[in-house]
């Protein structure tokens, strides 16, 4: 598959078949992911692959996090739908940033943390494109942050929890989502 075709045809998948994903395909996705560029080649990512009951437990922790927030009158956005998707997907890769090993990530130095988070975003895009190239569907999920402490504690991780990607065989073929043309988003500037 040509790269530009993969970029234009990749979709966020929210319904997966129950068919297990062979480990060798997951390993290929991870091998591609770590080839992504990162600031100062820090490679600020660590992965935990969840399958089966572990996937369902992640979804349950997210639902419990949403329950807690809603009991305090806080909004939870799409958290419950993301939990449903995770529970249905054959596997989810949870992504941590090892540079931040403390509980108060808000105090992290922004000029150091921002490049790591940007690098992780680029790595996730590489992961999504690799999954698509291998005939897999994927969904980038950020809603797990509603259960941040519970997920870190359950997985025994001290690193910063950043995001997750659910992967499996697509059980839907969504149309392309609307995109603002680049021409409306871009300003060209020259100086002499």
N, C-alpha and C. Protein backbone atom coordinates (compact mmCIF):
# COMPACT_ATOMS: atom_id res chain seq x y z
N UNK A 1 0.85 -1.17 0.00
CA UNK A 1 0.00 0.00 0.00
C UNK A 1 0.89 1.24 0.00
N UNK A 2 0.57 2.20 -0.83
CA UNK A 2 1.31 3.45 -0.88
C UNK A 2 0.97 4.30 0.34
N UNK A 3 1.95 5.06 0.81
CA UNK A 3 1.77 5.84 2.03
C UNK A 3 0.62 6.83 1.93
N UNK A 4 0.55 7.61 0.87
CA UNK A 4 -0.51 8.60 0.75
C UNK A 4 -1.89 7.94 0.71
N UNK A 5 -1.97 6.78 0.09
CA UNK A 5 -3.23 6.03 0.08
C UNK A 5 -3.58 5.56 1.49
N UNK A 6 -2.59 5.07 2.24
CA UNK A 6 -2.83 4.63 3.61
C UNK A 6 -3.31 5.79 4.48
N UNK A 7 -2.70 6.95 4.32
CA UNK A 7 -3.10 8.13 5.10
C UNK A 7 -4.55 8.50 4.78
N UNK A 8 -4.90 8.48 3.50
CA UNK A 8 -6.26 8.90 3.13
C UNK A 8 -7.32 7.85 3.44
N UNK A 9 -6.96 6.58 3.52
CA UNK A 9 -7.96 5.53 3.73
C UNK A 9 -8.06 5.05 5.18
N UNK A 10 -7.10 5.40 6.01
CA UNK A 10 -7.15 4.96 7.41
C UNK A 10 -8.36 5.58 8.10
N UNK A 11 -9.04 4.79 8.91
CA UNK A 11 -10.21 5.27 9.64
C UNK A 11 -10.09 4.88 11.10
N UNK A 12 -10.73 5.65 11.95
CA UNK A 12 -10.86 5.28 13.36
C UNK A 12 -11.99 4.26 13.46
N UNK A 13 -11.67 3.10 14.00
CA UNK A 13 -12.61 1.99 14.06
C UNK A 13 -13.19 1.89 15.47
N UNK A 14 -14.50 1.82 15.55
CA UNK A 14 -15.18 1.76 16.84
C UNK A 14 -15.98 0.47 17.03
N UNK A 15 -15.89 -0.42 16.05
CA UNK A 15 -16.51 -1.75 16.16
C UNK A 15 -15.52 -2.76 15.58
N UNK A 16 -15.20 -3.75 16.42
CA UNK A 16 -14.22 -4.76 16.03
C UNK A 16 -14.86 -6.14 16.02
N UNK A 17 -14.35 -7.00 15.14
CA UNK A 17 -14.72 -8.41 15.16
C UNK A 17 -14.06 -9.07 16.36
N UNK A 18 -14.57 -10.21 16.78
CA UNK A 18 -14.00 -10.91 17.93
C UNK A 18 -12.76 -11.73 17.56
N UNK A 19 -12.41 -11.76 16.29
CA UNK A 19 -11.26 -12.52 15.82
C UNK A 19 -9.98 -12.05 16.51
N UNK A 20 -9.24 -12.97 17.14
CA UNK A 20 -7.98 -12.56 17.77
C UNK A 20 -6.97 -12.06 16.73
N UNK A 21 -6.13 -11.14 17.15
CA UNK A 21 -5.06 -10.62 16.30
C UNK A 21 -3.80 -11.44 16.59
N UNK A 22 -3.21 -12.06 15.57
CA UNK A 22 -2.00 -12.84 15.81
C UNK A 22 -0.89 -11.98 16.42
N UNK A 23 -0.19 -12.55 17.37
CA UNK A 23 0.88 -11.83 18.06
C UNK A 23 1.90 -11.25 17.09
N UNK A 24 2.20 -11.97 16.02
CA UNK A 24 3.22 -11.47 15.08
C UNK A 24 2.78 -10.16 14.42
N UNK A 25 1.47 -9.97 14.22
CA UNK A 25 1.00 -8.70 13.67
C UNK A 25 1.13 -7.57 14.69
N UNK A 26 0.83 -7.87 15.96
CA UNK A 26 0.99 -6.87 17.01
C UNK A 26 2.47 -6.49 17.12
N UNK A 27 3.34 -7.47 17.04
CA UNK A 27 4.77 -7.19 17.10
C UNK A 27 5.22 -6.32 15.92
N UNK A 28 4.63 -6.53 14.74
CA UNK A 28 4.97 -5.68 13.59
C UNK A 28 4.50 -4.24 13.82
N UNK A 29 3.32 -4.08 14.41
CA UNK A 29 2.83 -2.74 14.72
C UNK A 29 3.77 -2.05 15.70
N UNK A 30 4.18 -2.77 16.74
CA UNK A 30 5.10 -2.19 17.72
C UNK A 30 6.47 -1.90 17.12
N UNK A 31 6.94 -2.78 16.24
CA UNK A 31 8.23 -2.56 15.58
C UNK A 31 8.19 -1.29 14.72
N UNK A 32 7.08 -1.06 14.05
CA UNK A 32 6.93 0.16 13.26
C UNK A 32 6.85 1.38 14.17
N UNK A 33 6.11 1.24 15.27
CA UNK A 33 5.90 2.37 16.19
C UNK A 33 7.22 2.92 16.71
N UNK A 34 8.14 2.04 17.08
CA UNK A 34 9.39 2.52 17.68
C UNK A 34 10.33 3.13 16.64
N UNK A 35 9.97 3.05 15.37
CA UNK A 35 10.76 3.72 14.33
C UNK A 35 10.37 5.19 14.17
N UNK A 36 9.32 5.61 14.86
CA UNK A 36 8.88 7.00 14.76
C UNK A 36 9.95 7.94 15.30
N UNK A 37 10.04 9.13 14.75
CA UNK A 37 11.00 10.10 15.27
C UNK A 37 10.58 10.57 16.66
N UNK A 38 11.56 10.96 17.45
CA UNK A 38 11.26 11.54 18.77
C UNK A 38 12.28 12.62 19.08
N UNK A 39 11.85 13.59 19.88
CA UNK A 39 12.73 14.70 20.25
C UNK A 39 13.99 14.17 20.92
N UNK A 40 15.13 14.59 20.42
CA UNK A 40 16.44 14.19 20.96
C UNK A 40 16.61 12.67 21.00
N UNK A 41 15.83 11.95 20.18
CA UNK A 41 15.83 10.49 20.14
C UNK A 41 15.60 9.88 21.53
N UNK A 42 14.77 10.56 22.33
CA UNK A 42 14.50 10.09 23.69
C UNK A 42 13.61 8.85 23.71
N UNK A 43 12.84 8.64 22.64
CA UNK A 43 11.96 7.48 22.55
C UNK A 43 11.13 7.34 23.83
N UNK A 44 10.30 8.36 24.12
CA UNK A 44 9.59 8.41 25.40
C UNK A 44 8.31 7.59 25.43
N UNK A 45 8.44 6.32 25.18
CA UNK A 45 7.24 5.48 25.18
C UNK A 45 7.56 4.10 25.73
N UNK A 46 6.61 3.58 26.46
CA UNK A 46 6.63 2.21 26.94
C UNK A 46 5.23 1.66 26.72
N UNK A 47 5.15 0.36 26.42
CA UNK A 47 3.88 -0.24 26.03
C UNK A 47 3.47 -1.36 26.98
N UNK A 48 2.17 -1.46 27.23
CA UNK A 48 1.58 -2.60 27.91
C UNK A 48 0.45 -3.08 27.01
N UNK A 49 0.56 -4.32 26.53
CA UNK A 49 -0.45 -4.89 25.64
C UNK A 49 -1.45 -5.67 26.49
N UNK A 50 -2.72 -5.28 26.38
CA UNK A 50 -3.79 -5.93 27.14
C UNK A 50 -4.67 -6.73 26.19
N UNK A 51 -4.98 -7.96 26.59
CA UNK A 51 -5.87 -8.82 25.80
C UNK A 51 -6.85 -9.52 26.72
N UNK A 52 -7.94 -9.97 26.15
CA UNK A 52 -8.91 -10.77 26.90
C UNK A 52 -9.45 -10.07 28.12
N UNK A 53 -9.39 -10.75 29.27
CA UNK A 53 -9.94 -10.22 30.51
C UNK A 53 -9.24 -8.93 30.93
N UNK A 54 -7.98 -8.77 30.56
CA UNK A 54 -7.26 -7.54 30.89
C UNK A 54 -7.86 -6.35 30.15
N UNK A 55 -8.28 -6.57 28.93
CA UNK A 55 -8.95 -5.51 28.16
C UNK A 55 -10.26 -5.12 28.84
N UNK A 56 -11.03 -6.11 29.27
CA UNK A 56 -12.29 -5.85 29.96
C UNK A 56 -12.05 -5.12 31.28
N UNK A 57 -10.99 -5.48 31.99
CA UNK A 57 -10.69 -4.79 33.25
C UNK A 57 -10.36 -3.33 33.00
N UNK A 58 -9.61 -3.02 31.94
CA UNK A 58 -9.33 -1.63 31.60
C UNK A 58 -10.63 -0.88 31.36
N UNK A 59 -11.54 -1.49 30.62
CA UNK A 59 -12.84 -0.86 30.36
C UNK A 59 -13.61 -0.65 31.66
N UNK A 60 -13.57 -1.62 32.57
CA UNK A 60 -14.27 -1.48 33.85
C UNK A 60 -13.68 -0.34 34.67
N UNK A 61 -12.36 -0.22 34.70
CA UNK A 61 -11.73 0.88 35.43
C UNK A 61 -12.14 2.23 34.86
N UNK A 62 -12.26 2.29 33.54
CA UNK A 62 -12.72 3.54 32.92
C UNK A 62 -14.15 3.87 33.32
N UNK A 63 -15.02 2.86 33.32
CA UNK A 63 -16.40 3.09 33.73
C UNK A 63 -16.47 3.54 35.19
N UNK A 64 -15.66 2.92 36.05
CA UNK A 64 -15.62 3.31 37.45
C UNK A 64 -15.10 4.74 37.60
N UNK A 65 -14.10 5.11 36.80
CA UNK A 65 -13.60 6.49 36.82
C UNK A 65 -14.67 7.47 36.40
N UNK A 66 -15.45 7.09 35.39
CA UNK A 66 -16.56 7.95 34.94
C UNK A 66 -17.61 8.06 36.03
N UNK A 67 -17.91 6.94 36.71
CA UNK A 67 -18.89 6.97 37.81
C UNK A 67 -18.45 7.97 38.88
N UNK A 68 -17.19 7.91 39.27
CA UNK A 68 -16.66 8.79 40.30
C UNK A 68 -16.76 10.25 39.89
N UNK A 69 -16.34 10.53 38.67
CA UNK A 69 -16.40 11.92 38.20
C UNK A 69 -17.83 12.43 38.12
N UNK A 70 -18.73 11.61 37.61
CA UNK A 70 -20.13 12.02 37.50
C UNK A 70 -20.76 12.22 38.88
N UNK A 71 -20.32 11.45 39.88
CA UNK A 71 -20.85 11.63 41.23
C UNK A 71 -20.44 12.98 41.80
N UNK A 72 -19.39 13.57 41.26
CA UNK A 72 -18.93 14.90 41.68
C UNK A 72 -19.47 15.98 40.76
N UNK A 73 -20.34 15.59 39.82
CA UNK A 73 -20.92 16.56 38.90
C UNK A 73 -20.02 16.95 37.74
N UNK A 74 -18.98 16.15 37.48
CA UNK A 74 -18.04 16.45 36.40
C UNK A 74 -18.44 15.73 35.12
N UNK A 75 -18.12 16.34 34.00
CA UNK A 75 -18.40 15.75 32.68
C UNK A 75 -17.39 14.64 32.38
N UNK A 76 -17.85 13.62 31.68
CA UNK A 76 -16.96 12.52 31.29
C UNK A 76 -16.92 12.30 29.78
N UNK A 77 -17.54 13.18 29.04
CA UNK A 77 -17.44 13.13 27.57
C UNK A 77 -17.76 11.76 27.01
N UNK A 78 -16.85 11.23 26.22
CA UNK A 78 -17.05 9.96 25.53
C UNK A 78 -16.43 8.77 26.25
N UNK A 79 -16.13 8.95 27.53
CA UNK A 79 -15.43 7.90 28.29
C UNK A 79 -16.16 6.56 28.25
N UNK A 80 -17.46 6.57 28.46
CA UNK A 80 -18.20 5.30 28.49
C UNK A 80 -18.20 4.61 27.12
N UNK A 81 -18.31 5.39 26.06
CA UNK A 81 -18.26 4.79 24.73
C UNK A 81 -16.86 4.22 24.46
N UNK A 82 -15.83 4.93 24.88
CA UNK A 82 -14.46 4.42 24.71
C UNK A 82 -14.28 3.13 25.50
N UNK A 83 -14.85 3.05 26.69
CA UNK A 83 -14.77 1.82 27.49
C UNK A 83 -15.46 0.67 26.76
N UNK A 84 -16.61 0.94 26.14
CA UNK A 84 -17.31 -0.09 25.37
C UNK A 84 -16.45 -0.60 24.23
N UNK A 85 -15.78 0.32 23.53
CA UNK A 85 -14.93 -0.05 22.41
C UNK A 85 -13.76 -0.90 22.88
N UNK A 86 -13.13 -0.48 23.97
CA UNK A 86 -11.99 -1.24 24.52
C UNK A 86 -12.43 -2.65 24.90
N UNK A 87 -13.58 -2.77 25.55
CA UNK A 87 -14.06 -4.09 25.97
C UNK A 87 -14.32 -5.00 24.77
N UNK A 88 -14.71 -4.41 23.64
CA UNK A 88 -15.02 -5.19 22.45
C UNK A 88 -13.77 -5.53 21.63
N UNK A 89 -12.75 -4.68 21.68
CA UNK A 89 -11.55 -4.87 20.86
C UNK A 89 -10.76 -6.09 21.34
N UNK A 90 -10.10 -6.79 20.42
CA UNK A 90 -9.27 -7.92 20.82
C UNK A 90 -8.09 -7.53 21.70
N UNK A 91 -7.56 -6.32 21.51
CA UNK A 91 -6.44 -5.90 22.34
C UNK A 91 -6.33 -4.39 22.38
N UNK A 92 -5.69 -3.92 23.43
CA UNK A 92 -5.43 -2.50 23.59
C UNK A 92 -3.99 -2.33 24.05
N UNK A 93 -3.29 -1.41 23.42
CA UNK A 93 -1.92 -1.09 23.81
C UNK A 93 -1.96 0.21 24.60
N UNK A 94 -1.58 0.13 25.87
CA UNK A 94 -1.55 1.29 26.75
C UNK A 94 -0.13 1.87 26.68
N UNK A 95 -0.06 3.20 26.56
CA UNK A 95 1.22 3.86 26.31
C UNK A 95 1.57 4.79 27.46
N UNK A 96 2.78 4.61 27.97
CA UNK A 96 3.30 5.40 29.07
C UNK A 96 4.52 6.19 28.64
N UNK A 97 4.76 7.31 29.32
CA UNK A 97 5.95 8.13 29.12
C UNK A 97 6.87 7.89 30.31
N UNK A 98 8.01 7.22 30.11
CA UNK A 98 8.88 6.88 31.24
C UNK A 98 9.65 8.06 31.82
N UNK A 99 9.63 9.21 31.16
CA UNK A 99 10.38 10.36 31.65
C UNK A 99 9.75 10.96 32.90
N UNK A 100 8.45 10.66 33.13
CA UNK A 100 7.75 11.25 34.26
C UNK A 100 7.30 10.16 35.20
N UNK A 101 8.02 10.03 36.28
CA UNK A 101 7.81 8.93 37.21
C UNK A 101 7.18 9.39 38.52
N UNK A 102 6.52 10.53 38.50
CA UNK A 102 5.91 11.04 39.73
C UNK A 102 4.41 11.22 39.52
N UNK A 103 3.71 11.44 40.62
CA UNK A 103 2.25 11.51 40.55
C UNK A 103 1.74 12.87 40.10
N UNK A 104 2.51 13.93 40.29
CA UNK A 104 2.04 15.27 39.96
C UNK A 104 2.55 15.68 38.58
N UNK A 105 1.93 15.16 37.52
CA UNK A 105 2.43 15.46 36.18
C UNK A 105 2.17 16.91 35.80
N UNK A 106 1.27 17.58 36.50
CA UNK A 106 0.98 18.98 36.19
C UNK A 106 2.22 19.83 36.41
N UNK A 107 3.06 19.46 37.36
CA UNK A 107 4.24 20.26 37.65
C UNK A 107 5.42 19.94 36.73
N UNK A 108 5.24 19.01 35.82
CA UNK A 108 6.32 18.66 34.89
C UNK A 108 6.74 19.90 34.12
N UNK A 109 8.02 20.00 33.87
CA UNK A 109 8.54 21.17 33.16
C UNK A 109 8.03 21.15 31.72
N UNK A 110 7.27 22.18 31.31
CA UNK A 110 6.60 22.14 30.00
C UNK A 110 7.57 22.09 28.81
N UNK A 111 8.75 22.66 28.94
CA UNK A 111 9.65 22.63 27.79
C UNK A 111 10.31 21.26 27.63
N UNK A 112 10.17 20.42 28.62
CA UNK A 112 10.70 19.07 28.53
C UNK A 112 9.60 18.07 28.22
N UNK A 113 8.44 18.24 28.86
CA UNK A 113 7.33 17.31 28.69
C UNK A 113 6.67 17.47 27.32
N UNK A 114 6.52 18.70 26.84
CA UNK A 114 5.83 18.92 25.57
C UNK A 114 6.49 18.16 24.41
N UNK A 115 7.82 18.20 24.24
CA UNK A 115 8.41 17.42 23.14
C UNK A 115 8.18 15.92 23.28
N UNK A 116 8.15 15.41 24.52
CA UNK A 116 7.88 13.99 24.71
C UNK A 116 6.46 13.64 24.28
N UNK A 117 5.49 14.47 24.67
CA UNK A 117 4.11 14.22 24.30
C UNK A 117 3.93 14.34 22.79
N UNK A 118 4.59 15.33 22.18
CA UNK A 118 4.54 15.45 20.72
C UNK A 118 5.13 14.21 20.06
N UNK A 119 6.23 13.71 20.60
CA UNK A 119 6.86 12.51 20.05
C UNK A 119 5.93 11.31 20.17
N UNK A 120 5.25 11.18 21.30
CA UNK A 120 4.31 10.07 21.48
C UNK A 120 3.17 10.18 20.47
N UNK A 121 2.69 11.40 20.21
CA UNK A 121 1.65 11.58 19.20
C UNK A 121 2.10 11.10 17.83
N UNK A 122 3.33 11.43 17.45
CA UNK A 122 3.86 10.96 16.18
C UNK A 122 4.01 9.45 16.15
N UNK A 123 4.42 8.88 17.27
CA UNK A 123 4.56 7.43 17.34
C UNK A 123 3.20 6.75 17.21
N UNK A 124 2.17 7.33 17.84
CA UNK A 124 0.83 6.74 17.74
C UNK A 124 0.35 6.78 16.29
N UNK A 125 0.60 7.88 15.60
CA UNK A 125 0.20 7.96 14.18
C UNK A 125 0.91 6.87 13.37
N UNK A 126 2.18 6.65 13.66
CA UNK A 126 2.91 5.58 12.98
C UNK A 126 2.28 4.23 13.28
N UNK A 127 1.89 4.02 14.53
CA UNK A 127 1.24 2.78 14.94
C UNK A 127 -0.09 2.58 14.20
N UNK A 128 -0.88 3.64 14.09
CA UNK A 128 -2.17 3.56 13.40
C UNK A 128 -1.99 3.21 11.93
N UNK A 129 -1.01 3.83 11.29
CA UNK A 129 -0.77 3.56 9.87
C UNK A 129 -0.22 2.15 9.67
N UNK A 130 0.63 1.68 10.58
CA UNK A 130 1.14 0.31 10.47
C UNK A 130 0.01 -0.69 10.62
N UNK A 131 -0.88 -0.47 11.59
CA UNK A 131 -2.02 -1.38 11.77
C UNK A 131 -2.87 -1.40 10.49
N UNK A 132 -3.14 -0.23 9.94
CA UNK A 132 -3.94 -0.14 8.71
C UNK A 132 -3.25 -0.91 7.57
N UNK A 133 -1.96 -0.74 7.44
CA UNK A 133 -1.21 -1.41 6.38
C UNK A 133 -1.28 -2.94 6.52
N UNK A 134 -1.40 -3.41 7.76
CA UNK A 134 -1.46 -4.86 8.02
C UNK A 134 -2.90 -5.40 7.98
N UNK A 135 -3.86 -4.56 7.57
CA UNK A 135 -5.24 -5.00 7.46
C UNK A 135 -6.01 -4.96 8.77
N UNK A 136 -5.48 -4.22 9.75
CA UNK A 136 -6.12 -4.11 11.05
C UNK A 136 -6.80 -2.76 11.21
N UNK A 137 -7.82 -2.72 12.03
CA UNK A 137 -8.44 -1.47 12.41
C UNK A 137 -7.87 -1.01 13.73
N UNK A 138 -7.98 0.28 14.00
CA UNK A 138 -7.43 0.80 15.26
C UNK A 138 -8.21 2.03 15.69
N UNK A 139 -8.10 2.33 16.98
CA UNK A 139 -8.69 3.55 17.53
C UNK A 139 -7.75 4.11 18.58
N UNK A 140 -7.39 5.36 18.41
CA UNK A 140 -6.57 6.10 19.37
C UNK A 140 -7.51 6.55 20.48
N UNK A 141 -7.22 6.19 21.71
CA UNK A 141 -8.11 6.46 22.83
C UNK A 141 -7.39 7.27 23.91
N UNK A 142 -7.96 8.41 24.24
CA UNK A 142 -7.42 9.25 25.31
C UNK A 142 -8.30 9.25 26.55
N UNK A 143 -9.53 8.75 26.43
CA UNK A 143 -10.48 8.79 27.55
C UNK A 143 -10.04 7.98 28.75
N UNK A 144 -9.05 7.13 28.63
CA UNK A 144 -8.62 6.35 29.78
C UNK A 144 -8.01 7.24 30.87
N UNK A 145 -7.73 8.49 30.53
CA UNK A 145 -7.18 9.41 31.52
C UNK A 145 -8.19 9.70 32.63
N UNK A 146 -9.47 9.42 32.42
CA UNK A 146 -10.47 9.59 33.47
C UNK A 146 -10.23 8.61 34.62
N UNK A 147 -9.49 7.56 34.37
CA UNK A 147 -9.18 6.57 35.40
C UNK A 147 -7.66 6.48 35.61
N UNK A 148 -6.98 7.59 35.42
CA UNK A 148 -5.51 7.65 35.46
C UNK A 148 -4.90 6.91 36.64
N UNK A 149 -5.21 7.27 37.90
CA UNK A 149 -4.54 6.60 39.02
C UNK A 149 -4.87 5.11 39.10
N UNK A 150 -6.12 4.75 38.86
CA UNK A 150 -6.53 3.35 38.97
C UNK A 150 -5.81 2.48 37.94
N UNK A 151 -5.68 2.98 36.72
CA UNK A 151 -5.01 2.20 35.66
C UNK A 151 -3.53 2.05 35.98
N UNK A 152 -2.88 3.13 36.39
CA UNK A 152 -1.45 3.05 36.74
C UNK A 152 -1.23 2.06 37.88
N UNK A 153 -2.07 2.15 38.90
CA UNK A 153 -1.91 1.25 40.05
C UNK A 153 -2.13 -0.20 39.64
N UNK A 154 -3.19 -0.46 38.88
CA UNK A 154 -3.49 -1.83 38.44
C UNK A 154 -2.34 -2.42 37.64
N UNK A 155 -1.76 -1.62 36.74
CA UNK A 155 -0.68 -2.11 35.89
C UNK A 155 0.69 -2.03 36.57
N UNK A 156 0.73 -1.46 37.78
CA UNK A 156 1.99 -1.38 38.52
C UNK A 156 3.01 -0.46 37.86
N UNK A 157 2.52 0.63 37.26
CA UNK A 157 3.39 1.55 36.52
C UNK A 157 3.51 2.87 37.28
N UNK A 158 4.70 3.42 37.31
CA UNK A 158 4.92 4.74 37.91
C UNK A 158 5.03 5.81 36.85
N UNK A 159 5.20 5.40 35.58
CA UNK A 159 5.35 6.37 34.51
C UNK A 159 4.05 7.12 34.25
N UNK A 160 4.17 8.22 33.50
CA UNK A 160 3.00 8.99 33.10
C UNK A 160 2.16 8.19 32.10
N UNK A 161 0.89 8.00 32.41
CA UNK A 161 -0.05 7.36 31.49
C UNK A 161 -0.45 8.41 30.46
N UNK A 162 -0.25 8.10 29.17
CA UNK A 162 -0.49 9.11 28.13
C UNK A 162 -1.72 8.79 27.30
N UNK A 163 -1.81 7.59 26.75
CA UNK A 163 -2.88 7.27 25.81
C UNK A 163 -2.95 5.77 25.59
N UNK A 164 -3.81 5.34 24.69
CA UNK A 164 -3.92 3.92 24.34
C UNK A 164 -4.41 3.80 22.91
N UNK A 165 -4.18 2.62 22.33
CA UNK A 165 -4.66 2.30 20.99
C UNK A 165 -5.29 0.91 21.04
N UNK A 166 -6.57 0.83 20.68
CA UNK A 166 -7.23 -0.47 20.55
C UNK A 166 -7.06 -0.94 19.11
N UNK A 167 -6.82 -2.25 18.97
CA UNK A 167 -6.53 -2.83 17.65
C UNK A 167 -7.31 -4.12 17.47
N UNK A 168 -7.76 -4.35 16.26
CA UNK A 168 -8.45 -5.58 15.91
C UNK A 168 -8.86 -5.54 14.45
N UNK A 169 -9.63 -6.51 14.05
CA UNK A 169 -10.15 -6.53 12.69
C UNK A 169 -11.44 -5.71 12.68
N UNK A 170 -11.53 -4.77 11.77
CA UNK A 170 -12.67 -3.86 11.71
C UNK A 170 -13.96 -4.60 11.42
N UNK A 171 -15.02 -4.22 12.13
CA UNK A 171 -16.36 -4.74 11.88
C UNK A 171 -17.26 -3.59 11.41
N UNK A 172 -16.66 -2.64 10.77
CA UNK A 172 -17.36 -1.49 10.19
C UNK A 172 -16.45 -0.88 9.14
N UNK A 173 -17.05 -0.12 8.25
CA UNK A 173 -16.30 0.60 7.21
C UNK A 173 -16.78 2.05 7.20
N UNK A 174 -16.34 2.83 8.18
CA UNK A 174 -16.84 4.20 8.25
C UNK A 174 -16.36 5.05 7.07
N UNK A 175 -17.23 5.98 6.69
CA UNK A 175 -16.85 6.93 5.64
C UNK A 175 -15.83 7.91 6.21
N UNK A 176 -15.18 8.61 5.32
CA UNK A 176 -14.22 9.62 5.75
C UNK A 176 -14.94 10.71 6.54
N UNK A 177 -14.32 11.15 7.62
CA UNK A 177 -14.88 12.25 8.41
C UNK A 177 -14.57 13.57 7.71
N UNK A 178 -15.39 14.57 7.92
CA UNK A 178 -15.12 15.86 7.27
C UNK A 178 -13.78 16.44 7.74
N UNK A 179 -13.07 17.00 6.81
CA UNK A 179 -11.79 17.64 7.11
C UNK A 179 -11.81 19.04 6.52
N UNK A 180 -11.26 19.97 7.26
CA UNK A 180 -11.10 21.33 6.75
C UNK A 180 -9.97 21.32 5.74
N UNK A 181 -10.18 21.84 4.54
CA UNK A 181 -9.10 21.86 3.54
C UNK A 181 -7.87 22.60 4.08
N UNK A 182 -6.72 22.09 3.74
CA UNK A 182 -5.48 22.69 4.24
C UNK A 182 -5.36 24.15 3.84
N UNK A 183 -5.95 24.49 2.69
CA UNK A 183 -5.87 25.87 2.20
C UNK A 183 -6.53 26.85 3.17
N UNK A 184 -7.56 26.38 3.90
CA UNK A 184 -8.24 27.23 4.87
C UNK A 184 -7.49 27.33 6.20
N UNK A 185 -6.50 26.50 6.37
CA UNK A 185 -5.77 26.41 7.63
C UNK A 185 -4.35 26.96 7.53
N UNK A 186 -3.94 27.36 6.34
CA UNK A 186 -2.53 27.66 6.10
C UNK A 186 -2.34 29.10 5.67
N UNK A 187 -1.34 29.72 6.24
CA UNK A 187 -0.91 31.06 5.85
C UNK A 187 0.53 30.93 5.35
N UNK A 188 0.80 31.51 4.19
CA UNK A 188 2.15 31.51 3.63
C UNK A 188 2.77 32.89 3.94
N UNK A 189 3.99 32.87 4.39
CA UNK A 189 4.63 34.13 4.73
C UNK A 189 6.07 34.11 4.23
N UNK A 190 6.43 35.18 3.59
CA UNK A 190 7.82 35.36 3.15
C UNK A 190 8.33 36.69 3.63
N UNK A 191 9.57 36.75 3.94
CA UNK A 191 10.20 38.02 4.32
C UNK A 191 11.48 38.18 3.53
N UNK A 192 11.79 39.41 3.28
CA UNK A 192 13.05 39.68 2.57
C UNK A 192 14.07 40.26 3.50
